[in-house]
Amino acid sequence: GPSAALMYWNNRDKTRQCFLGDWLKSGDKYVCDPDGYYTYAGRSDD
């Protein structure tokens, strides 16, 4: 989306893990139902 940050300040490693081209990897787990509603499943590390 248009409001994404450019990077993490002074954190190249985390920037490369999360900012992937136009996409941001959020670190959240989700599931989507047939009607297009998203349900939170937890943080990836949780």
PDB file of all heavy atoms in Angstrom:
ATOM      1  N   GLY A   1       0.817  -1.203   0.000  1.00  0.00           N
ATOM      2  CA  GLY A   1       0.000   0.000   0.000  1.00  0.00           C
ATOM      3  C   GLY A   1       0.851   1.253   0.000  1.00  0.00           C
ATOM      4  O   GLY A   1       2.063   1.210   0.240  1.00  0.00           O
ATOM      5  N   PRO A   2       0.219   2.402  -0.255  1.00  0.00           N
ATOM      6  CA  PRO A   2       0.958   3.653  -0.456  1.00  0.00           C
ATOM      7  C   PRO A   2       1.554   4.263   0.806  1.00  0.00           C
ATOM      8  O   PRO A   2       2.354   5.188   0.713  1.00  0.00           O
ATOM      9  CB  PRO A   2      -0.100   4.587  -1.061  1.00  0.00           C
ATOM     10  CG  PRO A   2      -1.401   4.072  -0.500  1.00  0.00           C
ATOM     11  CD  PRO A   2      -1.236   2.584  -0.440  1.00  0.00           C
ATOM     12  N   SER A   3       1.175   3.776   1.975  1.00  0.00           N
ATOM     13  CA  SER A   3       1.663   4.398   3.213  1.00  0.00           C
ATOM     14  C   SER A   3       2.825   3.627   3.839  1.00  0.00           C
ATOM     15  O   SER A   3       3.219   3.916   4.967  1.00  0.00           O
ATOM     16  CB  SER A   3       0.516   4.502   4.228  1.00  0.00           C
ATOM     17  OG  SER A   3       0.028   3.205   4.541  1.00  0.00           O
ATOM     18  N   ALA A   4       3.381   2.655   3.116  1.00  0.00           N
ATOM     19  CA  ALA A   4       4.453   1.829   3.682  1.00  0.00           C
ATOM     20  C   ALA A   4       5.722   2.641   3.940  1.00  0.00           C
ATOM     21  O   ALA A   4       6.068   3.554   3.192  1.00  0.00           O
ATOM     22  CB  ALA A   4       4.780   0.678   2.729  1.00  0.00           C
ATOM     23  N   ALA A   5       6.406   2.271   5.017  1.00  0.00           N
ATOM     24  CA  ALA A   5       7.708   2.878   5.310  1.00  0.00           C
ATOM     25  C   ALA A   5       8.744   2.419   4.285  1.00  0.00           C
ATOM     26  O   ALA A   5       8.517   1.471   3.516  1.00  0.00           O
ATOM     27  CB  ALA A   5       8.156   2.486   6.717  1.00  0.00           C
ATOM     28  N   LEU A   6       9.883   3.092   4.272  1.00  0.00           N
ATOM     29  CA  LEU A   6      10.962   2.725   3.359  1.00  0.00           C
ATOM     30  C   LEU A   6      11.855   1.640   3.937  1.00  0.00           C
ATOM     31  O   LEU A   6      12.353   0.775   3.211  1.00  0.00           O
ATOM     32  CB  LEU A   6      11.826   3.957   3.041  1.00  0.00           C
ATOM     33  CG  LEU A   6      11.149   5.098   2.291  1.00  0.00           C
ATOM     34  CD1 LEU A   6      12.109   6.274   2.169  1.00  0.00           C
ATOM     35  CD2 LEU A   6      10.695   4.625   0.923  1.00  0.00           C
ATOM     36  N   MET A   7      12.081   1.693   5.270  1.00  0.00           N
ATOM     37  CA  MET A   7      13.060   0.802   5.891  1.00  0.00           C
ATOM     38  C   MET A   7      12.971   0.950   7.397  1.00  0.00           C
ATOM     39  O   MET A   7      12.242   1.813   7.908  1.00  0.00           O
ATOM     40  CB  MET A   7      14.472   1.178   5.445  1.00  0.00           C
ATOM     41  CG  MET A   7      14.906   2.558   5.963  1.00  0.00           C
ATOM     42  SD  MET A   7      16.515   3.103   5.371  1.00  0.00           S
ATOM     43  CE  MET A   7      16.060   3.629   3.712  1.00  0.00           C
ATOM     44  N   TYR A   8      13.699   0.086   8.109  1.00  0.00           N
ATOM     45  CA  TYR A   8      13.936   0.292   9.532  1.00  0.00           C
ATOM     46  C   TYR A   8      15.232   1.088   9.683  1.00  0.00           C
ATOM     47  O   TYR A   8      16.247   0.754   9.062  1.00  0.00           O
ATOM     48  CB  TYR A   8      14.076  -1.051  10.264  1.00  0.00           C
ATOM     49  CG  TYR A   8      12.793  -1.854  10.310  1.00  0.00           C
ATOM     50  CD1 TYR A   8      12.642  -3.006   9.543  1.00  0.00           C
ATOM     51  CD2 TYR A   8      11.741  -1.467  11.136  1.00  0.00           C
ATOM     52  CE1 TYR A   8      11.471  -3.743   9.593  1.00  0.00           C
ATOM     53  CE2 TYR A   8      10.573  -2.202  11.191  1.00  0.00           C
ATOM     54  CZ  TYR A   8      10.438  -3.338  10.416  1.00  0.00           C
ATOM     55  OH  TYR A   8       9.286  -4.070  10.456  1.00  0.00           O
ATOM     56  N   TRP A   9      15.200   2.111  10.475  1.00  0.00           N
ATOM     57  CA  TRP A   9      16.361   2.981  10.636  1.00  0.00           C
ATOM     58  C   TRP A   9      17.523   2.214  11.259  1.00  0.00           C
ATOM     59  O   TRP A   9      17.397   1.611  12.313  1.00  0.00           O
ATOM     60  CB  TRP A   9      15.978   4.175  11.521  1.00  0.00           C
ATOM     61  CG  TRP A   9      17.077   5.179  11.710  1.00  0.00           C
ATOM     62  CD1 TRP A   9      17.777   5.433  12.845  1.00  0.00           C
ATOM     63  CD2 TRP A   9      17.598   6.056  10.718  1.00  0.00           C
ATOM     64  NE1 TRP A   9      18.699   6.410  12.625  1.00  0.00           N
ATOM     65  CE2 TRP A   9      18.626   6.824  11.332  1.00  0.00           C
ATOM     66  CE3 TRP A   9      17.318   6.271   9.370  1.00  0.00           C
ATOM     67  CZ2 TRP A   9      19.347   7.788  10.643  1.00  0.00           C
ATOM     68  CZ3 TRP A   9      18.031   7.235   8.685  1.00  0.00           C
ATOM     69  CH2 TRP A   9      19.038   7.980   9.310  1.00  0.00           C
ATOM     70  N   ASN A  10      18.659   2.218  10.546  1.00  0.00           N
ATOM     71  CA  ASN A  10      19.892   1.584  11.032  1.00  0.00           C
ATOM     72  C   ASN A  10      19.727   0.101  11.346  1.00  0.00           C
ATOM     73  O   ASN A  10      20.357  -0.425  12.268  1.00  0.00           O
ATOM     74  CB  ASN A  10      20.421   2.312  12.280  1.00  0.00           C
ATOM     75  CG  ASN A  10      21.064   3.646  11.931  1.00  0.00           C
ATOM     76  OD1 ASN A  10      21.474   3.862  10.792  1.00  0.00           O
ATOM     77  ND2 ASN A  10      21.142   4.541  12.892  1.00  0.00           N
ATOM     78  N   ASN A  11      18.853  -0.583  10.619  1.00  0.00           N
ATOM     79  CA  ASN A  11      18.661  -2.016  10.834  1.00  0.00           C
ATOM     80  C   ASN A  11      18.497  -2.696   9.477  1.00  0.00           C
ATOM     81  O   ASN A  11      17.393  -3.052   9.064  1.00  0.00           O
ATOM     82  CB  ASN A  11      17.447  -2.271  11.730  1.00  0.00           C
ATOM     83  CG  ASN A  11      17.440  -3.692  12.282  1.00  0.00           C
ATOM     84  OD1 ASN A  11      18.023  -4.598  11.691  1.00  0.00           O
ATOM     85  ND2 ASN A  11      16.772  -3.878  13.408  1.00  0.00           N
ATOM     86  N   ARG A  12      19.624  -2.874   8.814  1.00  0.00           N
ATOM     87  CA  ARG A  12      19.606  -3.434   7.450  1.00  0.00           C
ATOM     88  C   ARG A  12      19.057  -4.850   7.429  1.00  0.00           C
ATOM     89  O   ARG A  12      18.280  -5.214   6.538  1.00  0.00           O
ATOM     90  CB  ARG A  12      21.015  -3.391   6.873  1.00  0.00           C
ATOM     91  CG  ARG A  12      21.146  -3.995   5.484  1.00  0.00           C
ATOM     92  CD  ARG A  12      22.550  -3.786   4.925  1.00  0.00           C
ATOM     93  NE  ARG A  12      22.780  -4.539   3.710  1.00  0.00           N
ATOM     94  CZ  ARG A  12      22.390  -4.155   2.499  1.00  0.00           C
ATOM     95  NH1 ARG A  12      21.728  -3.024   2.360  1.00  0.00           N
ATOM     96  NH2 ARG A  12      22.649  -4.891   1.423  1.00  0.00           N
ATOM     97  N   ASP A  13      19.450  -5.684   8.409  1.00  0.00           N
ATOM     98  CA  ASP A  13      19.012  -7.084   8.398  1.00  0.00           C
ATOM     99  C   ASP A  13      17.493  -7.200   8.491  1.00  0.00           C
ATOM    100  O   ASP A  13      16.865  -7.947   7.729  1.00  0.00           O
ATOM    101  CB  ASP A  13      19.667  -7.848   9.548  1.00  0.00           C
ATOM    102  CG  ASP A  13      21.150  -8.070   9.326  1.00  0.00           C
ATOM    103  OD1 ASP A  13      21.596  -7.953   8.162  1.00  0.00           O
ATOM    104  OD2 ASP A  13      21.864  -8.369  10.304  1.00  0.00           O
ATOM    105  N   LYS A  14      16.883  -6.475   9.434  1.00  0.00           N
ATOM    106  CA  LYS A  14      15.426  -6.552   9.575  1.00  0.00           C
ATOM    107  C   LYS A  14      14.723  -5.942   8.374  1.00  0.00           C
ATOM    108  O   LYS A  14      13.665  -6.426   7.941  1.00  0.00           O
ATOM    109  CB  LYS A  14      14.981  -5.857  10.863  1.00  0.00           C
ATOM    110  CG  LYS A  14      13.517  -6.118  11.187  1.00  0.00           C
ATOM    111  CD  LYS A  14      13.120  -5.565  12.541  1.00  0.00           C
ATOM    112  CE  LYS A  14      11.658  -5.906  12.826  1.00  0.00           C
ATOM    113  NZ  LYS A  14      11.188  -5.340  14.115  1.00  0.00           N
ATOM    114  N   THR A  15      15.306  -4.880   7.804  1.00  0.00           N
ATOM    115  CA  THR A  15      14.737  -4.271   6.601  1.00  0.00           C
ATOM    116  C   THR A  15      14.661  -5.295   5.474  1.00  0.00           C
ATOM    117  O   THR A  15      13.637  -5.418   4.789  1.00  0.00           O
ATOM    118  CB  THR A  15      15.576  -3.059   6.162  1.00  0.00           C
ATOM    119  OG1 THR A  15      15.502  -2.053   7.172  1.00  0.00           O
ATOM    120  CG2 THR A  15      15.067  -2.483   4.851  1.00  0.00           C
ATOM    121  N   ARG A  16      15.725  -6.068   5.276  1.00  0.00           N
ATOM    122  CA  ARG A  16      15.757  -7.056   4.196  1.00  0.00           C
ATOM    123  C   ARG A  16      14.799  -8.214   4.446  1.00  0.00           C
ATOM    124  O   ARG A  16      14.314  -8.832   3.507  1.00  0.00           O
ATOM    125  CB  ARG A  16      17.186  -7.569   4.014  1.00  0.00           C
ATOM    126  CG  ARG A  16      18.159  -6.480   3.553  1.00  0.00           C
ATOM    127  CD  ARG A  16      19.563  -7.014   3.377  1.00  0.00           C
ATOM    128  NE  ARG A  16      19.658  -7.943   2.259  1.00  0.00           N
ATOM    129  CZ  ARG A  16      20.779  -8.553   1.886  1.00  0.00           C
ATOM    130  NH1 ARG A  16      21.908  -8.318   2.558  1.00  0.00           N
ATOM    131  NH2 ARG A  16      20.797  -9.385   0.868  1.00  0.00           N
ATOM    132  N   GLN A  17      14.520  -8.501   5.712  1.00  0.00           N
ATOM    133  CA  GLN A  17      13.594  -9.582   6.042  1.00  0.00           C
ATOM    134  C   GLN A  17      12.135  -9.178   5.834  1.00  0.00           C
ATOM    135  O   GLN A  17      11.306 -10.018   5.464  1.00  0.00           O
ATOM    136  CB  GLN A  17      13.773 -10.003   7.504  1.00  0.00           C
ATOM    137  CG  GLN A  17      15.096 -10.675   7.804  1.00  0.00           C
ATOM    138  CD  GLN A  17      15.321 -10.828   9.298  1.00  0.00           C
ATOM    139  OE1 GLN A  17      14.409 -10.659  10.095  1.00  0.00           O
ATOM    140  NE2 GLN A  17      16.559 -11.129   9.680  1.00  0.00           N
ATOM    141  N   CYS A  18      11.824  -7.904   6.057  1.00  0.00           N
ATOM    142  CA  CYS A  18      10.419  -7.474   6.091  1.00  0.00           C
ATOM    143  C   CYS A  18       9.987  -6.659   4.878  1.00  0.00           C
ATOM    144  O   CYS A  18       8.841  -6.770   4.444  1.00  0.00           O
ATOM    145  CB  CYS A  18      10.151  -6.669   7.363  1.00  0.00           C
ATOM    146  SG  CYS A  18      10.427  -7.598   8.891  1.00  0.00           S
ATOM    147  N   PHE A  19      10.853  -5.819   4.330  1.00  0.00           N
ATOM    148  CA  PHE A  19      10.498  -4.988   3.183  1.00  0.00           C
ATOM    149  C   PHE A  19      10.967  -5.689   1.910  1.00  0.00           C
ATOM    150  O   PHE A  19      12.146  -5.666   1.574  1.00  0.00           O
ATOM    151  CB  PHE A  19      11.123  -3.596   3.318  1.00  0.00           C
ATOM    152  CG  PHE A  19      10.523  -2.778   4.423  1.00  0.00           C
ATOM    153  CD1 PHE A  19      11.088  -2.780   5.687  1.00  0.00           C
ATOM    154  CD2 PHE A  19       9.371  -2.024   4.212  1.00  0.00           C
ATOM    155  CE1 PHE A  19      10.532  -2.031   6.717  1.00  0.00           C
ATOM    156  CE2 PHE A  19       8.802  -1.269   5.237  1.00  0.00           C
ATOM    157  CZ  PHE A  19       9.385  -1.281   6.492  1.00  0.00           C
ATOM    158  N   LEU A  20      10.016  -6.319   1.239  1.00  0.00           N
ATOM    159  CA  LEU A  20      10.327  -7.179   0.090  1.00  0.00           C
ATOM    160  C   LEU A  20       9.715  -6.567  -1.168  1.00  0.00           C
ATOM    161  O   LEU A  20       8.576  -6.878  -1.543  1.00  0.00           O
ATOM    162  CB  LEU A  20       9.782  -8.593   0.339  1.00  0.00           C
ATOM    163  CG  LEU A  20      10.222  -9.226   1.678  1.00  0.00           C
ATOM    164  CD1 LEU A  20       9.503 -10.537   1.919  1.00  0.00           C
ATOM    165  CD2 LEU A  20      11.731  -9.432   1.695  1.00  0.00           C
ATOM    166  N   GLY A  21      10.461  -5.694  -1.814  1.00  0.00           N
ATOM    167  CA  GLY A  21       9.923  -4.988  -2.973  1.00  0.00           C
ATOM    168  C   GLY A  21       8.782  -4.088  -2.538  1.00  0.00           C
ATOM    169  O   GLY A  21       8.919  -3.295  -1.609  1.00  0.00           O
ATOM    170  N   ASP A  22       7.631  -4.223  -3.217  1.00  0.00           N
ATOM    171  CA  ASP A  22       6.455  -3.425  -2.853  1.00  0.00           C
ATOM    172  C   ASP A  22       5.715  -3.996  -1.649  1.00  0.00           C
ATOM    173  O   ASP A  22       4.777  -3.372  -1.144  1.00  0.00           O
ATOM    174  CB  ASP A  22       5.480  -3.353  -4.037  1.00  0.00           C
ATOM    175  CG  ASP A  22       6.026  -2.532  -5.198  1.00  0.00           C
ATOM    176  OD1 ASP A  22       6.865  -1.647  -4.935  1.00  0.00           O
ATOM    177  OD2 ASP A  22       5.608  -2.775  -6.343  1.00  0.00           O
ATOM    178  N   TRP A  23       6.119  -5.188  -1.188  1.00  0.00           N
ATOM    179  CA  TRP A  23       5.375  -5.885  -0.145  1.00  0.00           C
ATOM    180  C   TRP A  23       6.082  -5.789   1.204  1.00  0.00           C
ATOM    181  O   TRP A  23       7.302  -5.774   1.287  1.00  0.00           O
ATOM    182  CB  TRP A  23       5.198  -7.363  -0.512  1.00  0.00           C
ATOM    183  CG  TRP A  23       4.289  -7.556  -1.690  1.00  0.00           C
ATOM    184  CD1 TRP A  23       4.649  -7.585  -3.004  1.00  0.00           C
ATOM    185  CD2 TRP A  23       2.876  -7.722  -1.662  1.00  0.00           C
ATOM    186  NE1 TRP A  23       3.544  -7.777  -3.807  1.00  0.00           N
ATOM    187  CE2 TRP A  23       2.442  -7.864  -2.999  1.00  0.00           C
ATOM    188  CE3 TRP A  23       1.931  -7.773  -0.626  1.00  0.00           C
ATOM    189  CZ2 TRP A  23       1.093  -8.052  -3.328  1.00  0.00           C
ATOM    190  CZ3 TRP A  23       0.596  -7.966  -0.957  1.00  0.00           C
ATOM    191  CH2 TRP A  23       0.183  -8.095  -2.299  1.00  0.00           C
ATOM    192  N   LEU A  24       5.279  -5.769   2.257  1.00  0.00           N
ATOM    193  CA  LEU A  24       5.778  -5.804   3.617  1.00  0.00           C
ATOM    194  C   LEU A  24       5.325  -7.103   4.272  1.00  0.00           C
ATOM    195  O   LEU A  24       4.133  -7.436   4.245  1.00  0.00           O
ATOM    196  CB  LEU A  24       5.225  -4.621   4.429  1.00  0.00           C
ATOM    197  CG  LEU A  24       5.498  -4.670   5.934  1.00  0.00           C
ATOM    198  CD1 LEU A  24       6.954  -4.357   6.227  1.00  0.00           C
ATOM    199  CD2 LEU A  24       4.583  -3.696   6.684  1.00  0.00           C
ATOM    200  N   LYS A  25       6.272  -7.847   4.837  1.00  0.00           N
ATOM    201  CA  LYS A  25       5.929  -9.039   5.607  1.00  0.00           C
ATOM    202  C   LYS A  25       5.653  -8.602   7.037  1.00  0.00           C
ATOM    203  O   LYS A  25       6.536  -8.121   7.741  1.00  0.00           O
ATOM    204  CB  LYS A  25       7.078 -10.048   5.571  1.00  0.00           C
ATOM    205  CG  LYS A  25       6.756 -11.359   6.281  1.00  0.00           C
ATOM    206  CD  LYS A  25       7.911 -12.355   6.172  1.00  0.00           C
ATOM    207  CE  LYS A  25       7.556 -13.674   6.852  1.00  0.00           C
ATOM    208  NZ  LYS A  25       8.671 -14.642   6.768  1.00  0.00           N
ATOM    209  N   SER A  26       4.415  -8.788   7.488  1.00  0.00           N
ATOM    210  CA  SER A  26       3.978  -8.182   8.751  1.00  0.00           C
ATOM    211  C   SER A  26       4.446  -8.931   9.997  1.00  0.00           C
ATOM    212  O   SER A  26       4.537  -8.348  11.067  1.00  0.00           O
ATOM    213  CB  SER A  26       2.451  -8.094   8.775  1.00  0.00           C
ATOM    214  OG  SER A  26       1.878  -9.388   8.919  1.00  0.00           O
ATOM    215  N   GLY A  27       4.705 -10.240   9.860  1.00  0.00           N
ATOM    216  CA  GLY A  27       5.008 -11.038  11.038  1.00  0.00           C
ATOM    217  C   GLY A  27       3.771 -11.597  11.712  1.00  0.00           C
ATOM    218  O   GLY A  27       3.862 -12.239  12.765  1.00  0.00           O
ATOM    219  N   ASP A  28       2.583 -11.378  11.104  1.00  0.00           N
ATOM    220  CA  ASP A  28       1.327 -11.895  11.640  1.00  0.00           C
ATOM    221  C   ASP A  28       0.859 -13.095  10.824  1.00  0.00           C
ATOM    222  O   ASP A  28       1.083 -13.173   9.612  1.00  0.00           O
ATOM    223  CB  ASP A  28       0.237 -10.821  11.599  1.00  0.00           C
ATOM    224  CG  ASP A  28       0.574  -9.626  12.467  1.00  0.00           C
ATOM    225  OD1 ASP A  28       0.612  -9.792  13.703  1.00  0.00           O
ATOM    226  OD2 ASP A  28       0.813  -8.536  11.913  1.00  0.00           O
ATOM    227  N   LYS A  29       0.188 -14.018  11.502  1.00  0.00           N
ATOM    228  CA  LYS A  29      -0.442 -15.160  10.846  1.00  0.00           C
ATOM    229  C   LYS A  29      -1.944 -14.898  10.732  1.00  0.00           C
ATOM    230  O   LYS A  29      -2.581 -14.463  11.695  1.00  0.00           O
ATOM    231  CB  LYS A  29      -0.219 -16.442  11.648  1.00  0.00           C
ATOM    232  CG  LYS A  29       1.237 -16.892  11.740  1.00  0.00           C
ATOM    233  CD  LYS A  29       1.691 -17.634  10.500  1.00  0.00           C
ATOM    234  CE  LYS A  29       3.043 -18.294  10.717  1.00  0.00           C
ATOM    235  NZ  LYS A  29       3.522 -19.020   9.521  1.00  0.00           N
ATOM    236  N   TYR A  30      -2.502 -15.193   9.571  1.00  0.00           N
ATOM    237  CA  TYR A  30      -3.923 -14.973   9.324  1.00  0.00           C
ATOM    238  C   TYR A  30      -4.521 -16.128   8.524  1.00  0.00           C
ATOM    239  O   TYR A  30      -3.803 -16.921   7.902  1.00  0.00           O
ATOM    240  CB  TYR A  30      -4.141 -13.667   8.549  1.00  0.00           C
ATOM    241  CG  TYR A  30      -4.490 -12.498   9.438  1.00  0.00           C
ATOM    242  CD1 TYR A  30      -3.486 -11.773  10.068  1.00  0.00           C
ATOM    243  CD2 TYR A  30      -5.805 -12.132   9.669  1.00  0.00           C
ATOM    244  CE1 TYR A  30      -3.795 -10.709  10.906  1.00  0.00           C
ATOM    245  CE2 TYR A  30      -6.120 -11.071  10.496  1.00  0.00           C
ATOM    246  CZ  TYR A  30      -5.123 -10.368  11.113  1.00  0.00           C
ATOM    247  OH  TYR A  30      -5.433  -9.331  11.951  1.00  0.00           O
ATOM    248  N   VAL A  31      -5.837 -16.193   8.551  1.00  0.00           N
ATOM    249  CA  VAL A  31      -6.580 -17.112   7.695  1.00  0.00           C
ATOM    250  C   VAL A  31      -7.726 -16.328   7.082  1.00  0.00           C
ATOM    251  O   VAL A  31      -8.279 -15.421   7.720  1.00  0.00           O
ATOM    252  CB  VAL A  31      -7.091 -18.333   8.498  1.00  0.00           C
ATOM    253  CG1 VAL A  31      -8.062 -17.897   9.593  1.00  0.00           C
ATOM    254  CG2 VAL A  31      -7.739 -19.356   7.574  1.00  0.00           C
ATOM    255  N   CYS A  32      -8.069 -16.620   5.825  1.00  0.00           N
ATOM    256  CA  CYS A  32      -9.135 -15.905   5.125  1.00  0.00           C
ATOM    257  C   CYS A  32     -10.278 -16.867   4.818  1.00  0.00           C
ATOM    258  O   CYS A  32     -10.049 -17.969   4.291  1.00  0.00           O
ATOM    259  CB  CYS A  32      -8.603 -15.283   3.835  1.00  0.00           C
ATOM    260  SG  CYS A  32      -9.812 -14.256   2.965  1.00  0.00           S
ATOM    261  N   ASP A  33     -11.526 -16.459   5.153  1.00  0.00           N
ATOM    262  CA  ASP A  33     -12.675 -17.345   4.905  1.00  0.00           C
ATOM    263  C   ASP A  33     -13.214 -17.126   3.487  1.00  0.00           C
ATOM    264  O   ASP A  33     -12.785 -16.212   2.777  1.00  0.00           O
ATOM    265  CB  ASP A  33     -13.747 -17.154   5.982  1.00  0.00           C
ATOM    266  CG  ASP A  33     -14.441 -15.796   5.922  1.00  0.00           C
ATOM    267  OD1 ASP A  33     -14.404 -15.130   4.867  1.00  0.00           O
ATOM    268  OD2 ASP A  33     -15.039 -15.401   6.941  1.00  0.00           O
ATOM    269  N   PRO A  34     -14.164 -17.950   3.041  1.00  0.00           N
ATOM    270  CA  PRO A  34     -14.675 -17.830   1.672  1.00  0.00           C
ATOM    271  C   PRO A  34     -15.318 -16.492   1.350  1.00  0.00           C
ATOM    272  O   PRO A  34     -15.429 -16.114   0.181  1.00  0.00           O
ATOM    273  CB  PRO A  34     -15.710 -18.973   1.589  1.00  0.00           C
ATOM    274  CG  PRO A  34     -15.257 -19.977   2.603  1.00  0.00           C
ATOM    275  CD  PRO A  34     -14.684 -19.166   3.717  1.00  0.00           C
ATOM    276  N   ASP A  35     -15.744 -15.744   2.377  1.00  0.00           N
ATOM    277  CA  ASP A  35     -16.366 -14.443   2.149  1.00  0.00           C
ATOM    278  C   ASP A  35     -15.361 -13.299   2.137  1.00  0.00           C
ATOM    279  O   ASP A  35     -15.745 -12.130   2.015  1.00  0.00           O
ATOM    280  CB  ASP A  35     -17.427 -14.170   3.227  1.00  0.00           C
ATOM    281  CG  ASP A  35     -18.592 -15.142   3.152  1.00  0.00           C
ATOM    282  OD1 ASP A  35     -18.949 -15.544   2.030  1.00  0.00           O
ATOM    283  OD2 ASP A  35     -19.136 -15.486   4.215  1.00  0.00           O
ATOM    284  N   GLY A  36     -14.074 -13.631   2.288  1.00  0.00           N
ATOM    285  CA  GLY A  36     -13.048 -12.597   2.235  1.00  0.00           C
ATOM    286  C   GLY A  36     -12.744 -11.915   3.548  1.00  0.00           C
ATOM    287  O   GLY A  36     -12.029 -10.909   3.579  1.00  0.00           O
ATOM    288  N   TYR A  37     -13.257 -12.465   4.654  1.00  0.00           N
ATOM    289  CA  TYR A  37     -12.952 -11.909   5.974  1.00  0.00           C
ATOM    290  C   TYR A  37     -11.694 -12.571   6.535  1.00  0.00           C
ATOM    291  O   TYR A  37     -11.557 -13.804   6.484  1.00  0.00           O
ATOM    292  CB  TYR A  37     -14.116 -12.135   6.944  1.00  0.00           C
ATOM    293  CG  TYR A  37     -15.281 -11.198   6.731  1.00  0.00           C
ATOM    294  CD1 TYR A  37     -16.226 -11.443   5.723  1.00  0.00           C
ATOM    295  CD2 TYR A  37     -15.448 -10.072   7.526  1.00  0.00           C
ATOM    296  CE1 TYR A  37     -17.298 -10.586   5.526  1.00  0.00           C
ATOM    297  CE2 TYR A  37     -16.518  -9.207   7.340  1.00  0.00           C
ATOM    298  CZ  TYR A  37     -17.436  -9.469   6.339  1.00  0.00           C
ATOM    299  OH  TYR A  37     -18.498  -8.617   6.144  1.00  0.00           O
ATOM    300  N   TYR A  38     -10.799 -11.748   7.070  1.00  0.00           N
ATOM    301  CA  TYR A  38      -9.531 -12.232   7.604  1.00  0.00           C
ATOM    302  C   TYR A  38      -9.620 -12.391   9.122  1.00  0.00           C
ATOM    303  O   TYR A  38     -10.161 -11.523   9.812  1.00  0.00           O
ATOM    304  CB  TYR A  38      -8.395 -11.268   7.253  1.00  0.00           C
ATOM    305  CG  TYR A  38      -7.987 -11.340   5.800  1.00  0.00           C
ATOM    306  CD1 TYR A  38      -8.766 -10.751   4.811  1.00  0.00           C
ATOM    307  CD2 TYR A  38      -6.838 -12.023   5.415  1.00  0.00           C
ATOM    308  CE1 TYR A  38      -8.410 -10.831   3.470  1.00  0.00           C
ATOM    309  CE2 TYR A  38      -6.467 -12.110   4.079  1.00  0.00           C
ATOM    310  CZ  TYR A  38      -7.259 -11.511   3.116  1.00  0.00           C
ATOM    311  OH  TYR A  38      -6.903 -11.613   1.791  1.00  0.00           O
ATOM    312  N   THR A  39      -9.102 -13.513   9.626  1.00  0.00           N
ATOM    313  CA  THR A  39      -9.124 -13.797  11.059  1.00  0.00           C
ATOM    314  C   THR A  39      -7.699 -14.003  11.554  1.00  0.00           C
ATOM    315  O   THR A  39      -6.932 -14.778  10.980  1.00  0.00           O
ATOM    316  CB  THR A  39      -9.959 -15.053  11.367  1.00  0.00           C
ATOM    317  OG1 THR A  39     -11.308 -14.819  10.941  1.00  0.00           O
ATOM    318  CG2 THR A  39      -9.968 -15.350  12.866  1.00  0.00           C
ATOM    319  N   TYR A  40      -7.378 -13.296  12.603  1.00  0.00           N
ATOM    320  CA  TYR A  40      -6.033 -13.319  13.184  1.00  0.00           C
ATOM    321  C   TYR A  40      -5.738 -14.667  13.822  1.00  0.00           C
ATOM    322  O   TYR A  40      -6.551 -15.221  14.559  1.00  0.00           O
ATOM    323  CB  TYR A  40      -5.936 -12.217  14.227  1.00  0.00           C
ATOM    324  CG  TYR A  40      -4.590 -12.037  14.884  1.00  0.00           C
ATOM    325  CD1 TYR A  40      -3.467 -11.660  14.160  1.00  0.00           C
ATOM    326  CD2 TYR A  40      -4.456 -12.201  16.268  1.00  0.00           C
ATOM    327  CE1 TYR A  40      -2.247 -11.452  14.775  1.00  0.00           C
ATOM    328  CE2 TYR A  40      -3.232 -11.999  16.892  1.00  0.00           C
ATOM    329  CZ  TYR A  40      -2.134 -11.625  16.144  1.00  0.00           C
ATOM    330  OH  TYR A  40      -0.929 -11.430  16.759  1.00  0.00           O
ATOM    331  N   ALA A  41      -4.539 -15.212  13.550  1.00  0.00           N
ATOM    332  CA  ALA A  41      -4.129 -16.488  14.133  1.00  0.00           C
ATOM    333  C   ALA A  41      -2.972 -16.330  15.105  1.00  0.00           C
ATOM    334  O   ALA A  41      -2.632 -17.277  15.815  1.00  0.00           O
ATOM    335  CB  ALA A  41      -3.744 -17.479  13.028  1.00  0.00           C
ATOM    336  N   GLY A  42      -2.345 -15.151  15.150  1.00  0.00           N
ATOM    337  CA  GLY A  42      -1.245 -14.912  16.081  1.00  0.00           C
ATOM    338  C   GLY A  42      -0.019 -14.377  15.373  1.00  0.00           C
ATOM    339  O   GLY A  42       0.058 -14.344  14.140  1.00  0.00           O
ATOM    340  N   ARG A  43       0.944 -13.925  16.160  1.00  0.00           N
ATOM    341  CA  ARG A  43       2.225 -13.529  15.615  1.00  0.00           C
ATOM    342  C   ARG A  43       2.984 -14.777  15.177  1.00  0.00           C
ATOM    343  O   ARG A  43       2.838 -15.857  15.758  1.00  0.00           O
ATOM    344  CB  ARG A  43       3.050 -12.779  16.662  1.00  0.00           C
ATOM    345  CG  ARG A  43       2.490 -11.431  17.052  1.00  0.00           C
ATOM    346  CD  ARG A  43       2.640 -10.412  15.947  1.00  0.00           C
ATOM    347  NE  ARG A  43       4.044 -10.119  15.647  1.00  0.00           N
ATOM    348  CZ  ARG A  43       4.446  -9.352  14.648  1.00  0.00           C
ATOM    349  NH1 ARG A  43       3.569  -8.821  13.808  1.00  0.00           N
ATOM    350  NH2 ARG A  43       5.723  -9.118  14.455  1.00  0.00           N
ATOM    351  N   SER A  44       3.795 -14.629  14.146  1.00  0.00           N
ATOM    352  CA  SER A  44       4.543 -15.779  13.630  1.00  0.00           C
ATOM    353  C   SER A  44       5.392 -16.434  14.706  1.00  0.00           C
ATOM    354  O   SER A  44       5.497 -17.662  14.775  1.00  0.00           O
ATOM    355  CB  SER A  44       5.419 -15.341  12.457  1.00  0.00           C
ATOM    356  OG  SER A  44       4.636 -14.812  11.410  1.00  0.00           O
ATOM    357  N   ASP A  45       5.989 -15.612  15.589  1.00  0.00           N
ATOM    358  CA  ASP A  45       6.850 -16.175  16.623  1.00  0.00           C
ATOM    359  C   ASP A  45       6.073 -16.623  17.859  1.00  0.00           C
ATOM    360  O   ASP A  45       6.660 -17.102  18.817  1.00  0.00           O
ATOM    361  CB  ASP A  45       7.949 -15.185  17.026  1.00  0.00           C
ATOM    362  CG  ASP A  45       7.408 -13.805  17.369  1.00  0.00           C
ATOM    363  OD1 ASP A  45       6.175 -13.623  17.375  1.00  0.00           O
ATOM    364  OD2 ASP A  45       8.218 -12.907  17.646  1.00  0.00           O
ATOM    365  N   ASP A  46       4.736 -16.450  17.848  1.00  0.00           N
ATOM    366  CA  ASP A  46       3.909 -16.907  18.962  1.00  0.00           C
ATOM    367  C   ASP A  46       3.213 -18.241  18.672  1.00  0.00           C
ATOM    368  O   ASP A  46       2.623 -18.844  19.570  1.00  0.00           O
ATOM    369  CB  ASP A  46       2.821 -15.872  19.300  1.00  0.00           C
ATOM    370  CG  ASP A  46       3.380 -14.671  20.047  1.00  0.00           C
ATOM    371  OD1 ASP A  46       4.425 -14.823  20.705  1.00  0.00           O
ATOM    372  OD2 ASP A  46       2.769 -13.588  19.966  1.00  0.00           O
TER     373      ASP A  46
END
